[in-house]
C-alpha cells in the first residue's frame, strides 16, 4: 500500500495494533525485517497489559529508527493512546533514534 500511495513522503510508517500474537499469514518478524530493510518504521500498540504480548511486540513487531511500543490498559484509555501514538509517529523520538521507545498508558 505504501508503494501505491499517491504522494511521496519523507518517512514511511506501519502501525500494528492488536491484543495477541499474529496467527494469520507469514511470520511477523520476517515481514517486519523486510519492511525495515526498505526504510519503513514499524510501530506497535498493544490492547491490554499482557506482558507476554508486550514482549512479543518488542521482540518481533517493532523495528526501524525511533520505533516504539505503546499500550492501552483499558478501552477508555484507547483514544488518549492513539492521539499520543499519532503525535509520536509524526514527531518521532529524536533522542533515541536507534532504540525502541516504550510508551504506555
N, C-alpha and C. Protein backbone atom coordinates (compact mmCIF):
# COMPACT_ATOMS: atom_id res chain seq x y z
N UNK A 1 0.82 -1.19 0.00
CA UNK A 1 0.00 0.00 0.00
C UNK A 1 0.87 1.26 0.00
N UNK A 2 1.99 1.22 0.76
CA UNK A 2 2.86 2.39 0.81
C UNK A 2 3.44 2.70 -0.57
N UNK A 3 3.77 1.66 -1.33
CA UNK A 3 4.34 1.87 -2.66
C UNK A 3 3.32 2.43 -3.63
N UNK A 4 2.04 2.24 -3.39
CA UNK A 4 0.99 2.72 -4.28
C UNK A 4 0.40 4.06 -3.83
N UNK A 5 0.90 4.62 -2.75
CA UNK A 5 0.37 5.89 -2.24
C UNK A 5 0.51 6.98 -3.30
N UNK A 6 -0.48 7.87 -3.42
CA UNK A 6 -0.45 8.89 -4.47
C UNK A 6 0.55 10.03 -4.21
N UNK A 7 1.07 10.12 -2.99
CA UNK A 7 2.00 11.19 -2.65
C UNK A 7 3.27 10.60 -2.04
N UNK A 8 4.39 11.23 -2.33
CA UNK A 8 5.66 10.81 -1.74
C UNK A 8 5.76 11.36 -0.31
N UNK A 9 6.40 10.60 0.55
CA UNK A 9 6.60 11.03 1.94
C UNK A 9 8.07 10.88 2.30
N UNK A 10 8.50 11.66 3.28
CA UNK A 10 9.88 11.55 3.73
C UNK A 10 10.09 10.31 4.59
N UNK A 11 9.04 9.86 5.25
CA UNK A 11 9.10 8.68 6.12
C UNK A 11 7.92 7.77 5.83
N UNK A 12 8.16 6.48 5.98
CA UNK A 12 7.08 5.51 5.85
C UNK A 12 6.93 4.80 7.20
N UNK A 13 5.71 4.73 7.69
CA UNK A 13 5.43 4.12 9.00
C UNK A 13 4.27 3.14 8.86
N UNK A 14 4.45 1.96 9.42
CA UNK A 14 3.38 0.97 9.54
C UNK A 14 3.05 0.86 11.01
N UNK A 15 1.77 0.88 11.35
CA UNK A 15 1.32 0.76 12.74
C UNK A 15 0.56 -0.55 12.90
N UNK A 16 1.03 -1.37 13.81
CA UNK A 16 0.39 -2.65 14.11
C UNK A 16 -0.30 -2.53 15.46
N UNK A 17 -1.60 -2.81 15.49
CA UNK A 17 -2.39 -2.69 16.70
C UNK A 17 -3.07 -4.03 16.95
N UNK A 18 -2.92 -4.57 18.17
CA UNK A 18 -3.55 -5.84 18.45
C UNK A 18 -3.45 -6.24 19.91
N UNK A 19 -4.02 -7.43 20.20
CA UNK A 19 -4.04 -7.92 21.58
C UNK A 19 -3.46 -9.32 21.72
N UNK A 20 -2.70 -9.74 20.72
CA UNK A 20 -2.10 -11.06 20.79
C UNK A 20 -1.08 -11.26 19.69
N UNK A 21 -0.58 -12.48 19.61
CA UNK A 21 0.39 -12.81 18.59
C UNK A 21 -0.29 -13.03 17.25
N UNK A 22 0.46 -12.76 16.19
CA UNK A 22 -0.04 -12.97 14.83
C UNK A 22 -0.30 -14.46 14.61
N UNK A 23 -1.45 -14.79 14.06
CA UNK A 23 -1.74 -16.19 13.78
C UNK A 23 -2.27 -16.39 12.37
N UNK A 24 -2.06 -15.40 11.50
CA UNK A 24 -2.51 -15.48 10.12
C UNK A 24 -1.38 -15.05 9.20
N UNK A 25 -1.16 -15.78 8.15
CA UNK A 25 -0.16 -15.37 7.17
C UNK A 25 1.26 -15.68 7.60
N UNK A 26 2.18 -14.92 7.03
CA UNK A 26 3.60 -15.18 7.28
C UNK A 26 4.04 -14.74 8.66
N UNK A 27 5.23 -15.15 9.03
CA UNK A 27 5.84 -14.80 10.30
C UNK A 27 5.97 -13.28 10.42
N UNK A 28 5.52 -12.72 11.54
CA UNK A 28 5.55 -11.27 11.73
C UNK A 28 6.97 -10.72 11.70
N UNK A 29 7.92 -11.43 12.28
CA UNK A 29 9.30 -10.95 12.33
C UNK A 29 9.90 -10.84 10.94
N UNK A 30 9.63 -11.79 10.06
CA UNK A 30 10.14 -11.73 8.69
C UNK A 30 9.56 -10.54 7.93
N UNK A 31 8.26 -10.32 8.08
CA UNK A 31 7.62 -9.18 7.42
C UNK A 31 8.18 -7.87 7.96
N UNK A 32 8.37 -7.78 9.28
CA UNK A 32 8.96 -6.59 9.89
C UNK A 32 10.36 -6.34 9.34
N UNK A 33 11.17 -7.39 9.27
CA UNK A 33 12.55 -7.25 8.79
C UNK A 33 12.59 -6.74 7.35
N UNK A 34 11.72 -7.24 6.51
CA UNK A 34 11.66 -6.77 5.12
C UNK A 34 11.26 -5.30 5.06
N UNK A 35 10.29 -4.91 5.87
CA UNK A 35 9.86 -3.51 5.89
C UNK A 35 11.00 -2.61 6.36
N UNK A 36 11.69 -2.99 7.42
CA UNK A 36 12.79 -2.18 7.96
C UNK A 36 13.91 -2.08 6.93
N UNK A 37 14.20 -3.15 6.22
CA UNK A 37 15.22 -3.11 5.16
C UNK A 37 14.90 -2.08 4.09
N UNK A 38 13.61 -1.82 3.88
CA UNK A 38 13.17 -0.83 2.89
C UNK A 38 13.09 0.57 3.47
N UNK A 39 13.49 0.72 4.75
CA UNK A 39 13.47 2.03 5.39
C UNK A 39 12.15 2.39 6.04
N UNK A 40 11.29 1.40 6.23
CA UNK A 40 9.99 1.63 6.85
C UNK A 40 10.10 1.40 8.36
N UNK A 41 9.51 2.28 9.14
CA UNK A 41 9.46 2.14 10.60
C UNK A 41 8.17 1.39 10.95
N UNK A 42 8.27 0.41 11.83
CA UNK A 42 7.10 -0.36 12.27
C UNK A 42 6.90 -0.10 13.76
N UNK A 43 5.76 0.51 14.10
CA UNK A 43 5.39 0.80 15.48
C UNK A 43 4.27 -0.12 15.91
N UNK A 44 4.07 -0.25 17.23
CA UNK A 44 3.02 -1.12 17.73
C UNK A 44 2.24 -0.52 18.88
N UNK A 45 0.96 -0.90 18.93
CA UNK A 45 0.09 -0.57 20.06
C UNK A 45 -0.55 -1.88 20.53
N UNK A 46 -0.34 -2.20 21.80
CA UNK A 46 -0.91 -3.41 22.39
C UNK A 46 -2.18 -3.01 23.13
N UNK A 47 -3.24 -3.76 22.87
CA UNK A 47 -4.51 -3.55 23.58
C UNK A 47 -4.50 -4.44 24.81
N UNK A 48 -4.44 -3.84 25.99
CA UNK A 48 -4.36 -4.60 27.23
C UNK A 48 -2.97 -4.51 27.83
N UNK A 49 -2.76 -5.24 28.91
CA UNK A 49 -1.49 -5.17 29.64
C UNK A 49 -0.80 -6.52 29.78
N UNK A 50 -1.11 -7.45 28.91
CA UNK A 50 -0.49 -8.77 28.96
C UNK A 50 1.01 -8.64 28.66
N UNK A 51 1.84 -8.94 29.64
CA UNK A 51 3.28 -8.75 29.47
C UNK A 51 3.85 -9.64 28.37
N UNK A 52 3.27 -10.82 28.15
CA UNK A 52 3.75 -11.70 27.08
C UNK A 52 3.49 -11.07 25.71
N UNK A 53 2.36 -10.41 25.54
CA UNK A 53 2.05 -9.75 24.27
C UNK A 53 2.97 -8.54 24.08
N UNK A 54 3.20 -7.78 25.14
CA UNK A 54 4.11 -6.64 25.04
C UNK A 54 5.52 -7.09 24.67
N UNK A 55 5.99 -8.19 25.27
CA UNK A 55 7.30 -8.73 24.93
C UNK A 55 7.35 -9.18 23.47
N UNK A 56 6.28 -9.82 23.01
CA UNK A 56 6.18 -10.25 21.61
C UNK A 56 6.28 -9.05 20.68
N UNK A 57 5.58 -7.98 20.97
CA UNK A 57 5.65 -6.78 20.13
C UNK A 57 7.07 -6.20 20.13
N UNK A 58 7.69 -6.12 21.30
CA UNK A 58 9.07 -5.60 21.39
C UNK A 58 10.03 -6.46 20.58
N UNK A 59 9.86 -7.78 20.66
CA UNK A 59 10.79 -8.72 20.06
C UNK A 59 10.55 -8.93 18.56
N UNK A 60 9.28 -8.98 18.13
CA UNK A 60 9.00 -9.41 16.77
C UNK A 60 8.22 -8.42 15.91
N UNK A 61 7.67 -7.38 16.47
CA UNK A 61 6.84 -6.47 15.69
C UNK A 61 7.55 -5.16 15.37
N UNK A 62 7.96 -4.41 16.37
CA UNK A 62 8.50 -3.08 16.11
C UNK A 62 9.91 -3.14 15.55
N UNK A 63 10.24 -2.13 14.73
CA UNK A 63 11.58 -2.06 14.18
C UNK A 63 11.78 -0.78 13.40
N UNK A 64 13.04 -0.44 13.22
CA UNK A 64 13.40 0.77 12.49
C UNK A 64 13.74 1.90 13.44
N UNK A 65 14.37 2.95 12.91
CA UNK A 65 14.78 4.08 13.75
C UNK A 65 13.60 4.75 14.46
N UNK A 66 13.69 4.85 15.78
CA UNK A 66 12.65 5.50 16.57
C UNK A 66 11.40 4.69 16.78
N UNK A 67 11.41 3.40 16.41
CA UNK A 67 10.21 2.55 16.58
C UNK A 67 9.83 2.45 18.05
N UNK A 68 8.53 2.30 18.31
CA UNK A 68 8.06 2.24 19.68
C UNK A 68 6.89 1.29 19.85
N UNK A 69 6.68 0.88 21.11
CA UNK A 69 5.52 0.11 21.52
C UNK A 69 4.78 0.95 22.55
N UNK A 70 3.47 1.05 22.39
CA UNK A 70 2.60 1.68 23.37
C UNK A 70 1.56 0.65 23.76
N UNK A 71 0.88 0.88 24.87
CA UNK A 71 -0.25 0.02 25.19
C UNK A 71 -1.34 0.80 25.89
N UNK A 72 -2.55 0.31 25.68
CA UNK A 72 -3.74 0.89 26.31
C UNK A 72 -4.24 -0.13 27.32
N UNK A 73 -4.23 0.26 28.58
CA UNK A 73 -4.61 -0.67 29.64
C UNK A 73 -6.12 -0.91 29.69
N UNK A 74 -6.90 0.05 29.18
CA UNK A 74 -8.37 -0.09 29.18
C UNK A 74 -8.92 0.47 27.88
N UNK A 75 -10.14 0.12 27.58
CA UNK A 75 -10.82 0.67 26.40
C UNK A 75 -10.90 2.19 26.52
N UNK A 76 -11.18 2.69 27.71
CA UNK A 76 -11.30 4.14 27.93
C UNK A 76 -10.00 4.88 27.61
N UNK A 77 -8.87 4.22 27.80
CA UNK A 77 -7.56 4.85 27.55
C UNK A 77 -7.19 4.86 26.07
N UNK A 78 -7.92 4.13 25.25
CA UNK A 78 -7.53 3.95 23.85
C UNK A 78 -7.45 5.27 23.08
N UNK A 79 -8.39 6.17 23.25
CA UNK A 79 -8.35 7.42 22.46
C UNK A 79 -7.13 8.25 22.82
N UNK A 80 -6.76 8.29 24.11
CA UNK A 80 -5.56 9.02 24.52
C UNK A 80 -4.31 8.37 23.95
N UNK A 81 -4.23 7.05 24.02
CA UNK A 81 -3.07 6.34 23.49
C UNK A 81 -2.95 6.56 21.99
N UNK A 82 -4.05 6.50 21.27
CA UNK A 82 -4.00 6.71 19.81
C UNK A 82 -3.56 8.13 19.47
N UNK A 83 -4.02 9.11 20.22
CA UNK A 83 -3.60 10.50 19.98
C UNK A 83 -2.09 10.63 20.22
N UNK A 84 -1.59 10.05 21.30
CA UNK A 84 -0.15 10.11 21.58
C UNK A 84 0.65 9.32 20.56
N UNK A 85 0.09 8.22 20.08
CA UNK A 85 0.76 7.41 19.07
C UNK A 85 0.92 8.21 17.78
N UNK A 86 -0.13 8.87 17.34
CA UNK A 86 -0.03 9.66 16.11
C UNK A 86 0.93 10.82 16.28
N UNK A 87 0.94 11.45 17.43
CA UNK A 87 1.92 12.51 17.69
C UNK A 87 3.34 11.96 17.64
N UNK A 88 3.55 10.80 18.23
CA UNK A 88 4.88 10.18 18.21
C UNK A 88 5.28 9.76 16.80
N UNK A 89 4.32 9.26 16.00
CA UNK A 89 4.61 8.92 14.61
C UNK A 89 5.11 10.14 13.85
N UNK A 90 4.46 11.26 14.08
CA UNK A 90 4.80 12.48 13.34
C UNK A 90 6.10 13.09 13.83
N UNK A 91 6.24 13.22 15.12
CA UNK A 91 7.39 13.90 15.70
C UNK A 91 8.61 12.97 15.75
N UNK A 92 8.40 11.72 16.07
CA UNK A 92 9.44 10.72 16.25
C UNK A 92 10.41 11.13 17.34
N UNK A 93 10.82 10.21 18.16
CA UNK A 93 11.70 10.49 19.28
C UNK A 93 13.14 10.62 18.78
N UNK A 94 13.60 11.84 18.55
CA UNK A 94 14.94 12.10 18.03
C UNK A 94 16.03 11.79 19.05
N UNK A 95 15.67 11.74 20.33
CA UNK A 95 16.67 11.48 21.37
C UNK A 95 17.15 10.04 21.36
N UNK A 96 16.33 9.12 20.86
CA UNK A 96 16.69 7.70 20.87
C UNK A 96 16.40 7.09 19.51
N UNK A 97 17.03 7.54 18.44
CA UNK A 97 16.67 7.05 17.11
C UNK A 97 16.98 5.59 16.86
N UNK A 98 17.91 5.00 17.60
CA UNK A 98 18.26 3.61 17.35
C UNK A 98 17.66 2.63 18.34
N UNK A 99 16.87 3.14 19.28
CA UNK A 99 16.29 2.26 20.29
C UNK A 99 14.78 2.37 20.23
N UNK A 100 14.11 1.30 20.56
CA UNK A 100 12.65 1.31 20.58
C UNK A 100 12.19 1.97 21.87
N UNK A 101 11.53 3.08 21.73
CA UNK A 101 10.98 3.76 22.89
C UNK A 101 9.76 2.99 23.36
N UNK A 102 9.46 3.09 24.64
CA UNK A 102 8.30 2.41 25.17
C UNK A 102 7.40 3.43 25.84
N UNK A 103 6.20 3.54 25.35
CA UNK A 103 5.24 4.49 25.88
C UNK A 103 4.01 3.72 26.32
N UNK A 104 3.50 4.01 27.50
CA UNK A 104 2.36 3.25 27.98
C UNK A 104 1.35 4.16 28.65
N UNK A 105 0.16 3.61 28.82
CA UNK A 105 -0.92 4.33 29.49
C UNK A 105 -1.73 3.34 30.28
